[in-house]
Protein backbone atom coordinates (compact mmCIF):
# COMPACT_ATOMS: atom_id res chain seq x y z
CA UNK A 1 61.52 -18.24 19.50
CA UNK A 2 63.34 -19.25 16.33
CA UNK A 3 66.64 -17.55 15.46
CA UNK A 4 66.42 -14.89 12.73
CA UNK A 5 68.59 -16.90 10.31
CA UNK A 6 66.29 -19.96 10.31
CA UNK A 7 64.68 -20.58 6.91
CA UNK A 8 61.11 -20.61 8.31
CA UNK A 9 59.04 -18.47 10.65
CA UNK A 10 57.32 -21.63 11.87
CA UNK A 11 53.91 -20.04 11.58
CA UNK A 12 50.96 -22.26 10.65
CA UNK A 13 51.36 -21.63 6.89
CA UNK A 14 55.05 -22.58 6.92
CA UNK A 15 54.34 -25.71 8.93
CA UNK A 16 51.50 -26.72 6.58
CA UNK A 17 53.74 -26.25 3.52
CA UNK A 18 56.45 -28.35 5.14
CA UNK A 19 54.00 -31.08 6.19
CA UNK A 20 52.55 -31.31 2.66
CA UNK A 21 56.09 -31.46 1.22
CA UNK A 22 56.87 -34.29 3.67
CA UNK A 23 53.67 -36.09 2.63
CA UNK A 24 54.75 -35.84 -1.03
CA UNK A 25 58.18 -37.22 -0.18
CA UNK A 26 56.72 -40.19 1.70
CA UNK A 27 53.85 -41.03 -0.68
CA UNK A 28 55.75 -41.05 -3.95
CA UNK A 29 52.79 -42.33 -6.00
CA UNK A 30 51.15 -38.88 -5.96
CA UNK A 31 52.14 -37.12 -9.21
CA UNK A 32 53.85 -33.74 -8.89
CA UNK A 33 51.10 -32.10 -10.96
CA UNK A 34 48.48 -32.93 -8.32
CA UNK A 35 47.34 -30.13 -6.09
CA UNK A 36 47.42 -30.97 -2.38
CA UNK A 37 45.71 -28.63 0.04
CA UNK A 38 43.68 -28.60 3.25
CA UNK A 39 39.99 -27.69 3.40
CA UNK A 40 37.76 -26.98 6.39
CA UNK A 41 34.10 -28.04 6.17
CA UNK A 42 31.85 -27.98 9.23
CA UNK A 43 34.68 -28.27 11.78
CA UNK A 44 36.17 -31.18 9.83
CA UNK A 45 39.58 -30.86 8.15
CA UNK A 46 40.11 -32.62 4.82
CA UNK A 47 43.36 -33.03 2.97
CA UNK A 48 42.48 -32.88 -0.71
CA UNK A 49 44.57 -34.48 -3.44
CA UNK A 50 43.25 -33.08 -6.73
CA UNK A 51 44.16 -34.86 -9.98
CA UNK A 52 42.49 -32.20 -12.18
CA UNK A 53 45.78 -31.25 -13.88
CA UNK A 54 46.76 -34.89 -14.46
CA UNK A 55 43.62 -37.09 -14.71
CA UNK A 56 45.56 -39.63 -16.78
CA UNK A 57 47.73 -40.30 -13.71
CA UNK A 58 44.85 -41.59 -11.55
CA UNK A 59 45.90 -45.12 -10.71
CA UNK A 60 45.12 -45.39 -7.02
CA UNK A 61 44.60 -48.61 -5.14
CA UNK A 62 43.60 -49.43 -1.58
CA UNK A 63 47.22 -49.49 -0.37
CA UNK A 64 47.87 -46.01 -1.76
CA UNK A 65 44.73 -44.61 -0.12
CA UNK A 66 45.72 -46.19 3.19
CA UNK A 67 49.34 -45.02 2.95
CA UNK A 68 48.24 -41.45 2.29
CA UNK A 69 45.90 -41.64 5.30
CA UNK A 70 48.58 -43.07 7.58
CA UNK A 71 51.13 -40.42 6.60
CA UNK A 72 48.51 -37.68 6.90
CA UNK A 73 47.67 -38.94 10.40
CA UNK A 74 51.32 -39.04 11.46
CA UNK A 75 51.83 -35.48 10.22
CA UNK A 76 48.61 -34.26 11.85
CA UNK A 77 47.32 -32.73 8.61
CA UNK A 78 43.64 -33.69 8.55
CA UNK A 79 40.81 -35.96 9.70
CA UNK A 80 40.23 -37.40 6.22
CA UNK A 81 41.83 -37.45 2.77
CA UNK A 82 39.76 -36.77 -0.36
CA UNK A 83 40.95 -37.81 -3.80
CA UNK A 84 39.34 -35.68 -6.51
CA UNK A 85 39.38 -34.83 -10.17
CA UNK A 86 38.16 -31.24 -10.08
CA UNK A 87 34.87 -31.28 -8.15
CA UNK A 88 34.32 -35.04 -8.50
CA UNK A 89 35.36 -37.17 -5.50
CA UNK A 90 36.95 -40.40 -6.73
CA UNK A 91 37.77 -41.80 -3.31
CA UNK A 92 38.55 -41.02 0.29
CA UNK A 93 40.16 -42.40 3.38
CA UNK A 94 39.26 -41.49 6.94
CA UNK A 95 42.09 -40.95 9.40
CA UNK A 96 40.44 -42.11 12.62
CA UNK A 97 40.70 -45.87 12.37
CA UNK A 98 41.97 -45.60 8.77
CA UNK A 99 38.72 -46.62 7.14
CA UNK A 100 38.41 -46.81 3.36
CA UNK A 101 35.70 -45.79 0.93
CA UNK A 102 36.03 -45.69 -2.83
CA UNK A 103 33.78 -44.11 -5.42
CA UNK A 104 31.73 -41.82 -3.17
């Protein structure tokens, strides 16, 4: 059990917030305006990076997709990363085996 004066309760929400903050610190190419959140669809967990608030910042390449997938895997955040602008998927990377698909 964590001491009362620790800054976090270490419940799942706190850990998710910390893991996403760590992802942002390690993958510096993701603009601050991007929303990053986890989604569950059919027993599959996606980490979504949504560029809706900054579509002009979309300048992703294969290395950035792969880096985001690697960091996501190390942090245990999701099975796959989706890159979106609103509802439109602009690319994805799968964690298991770090595959790559662009322009789904």
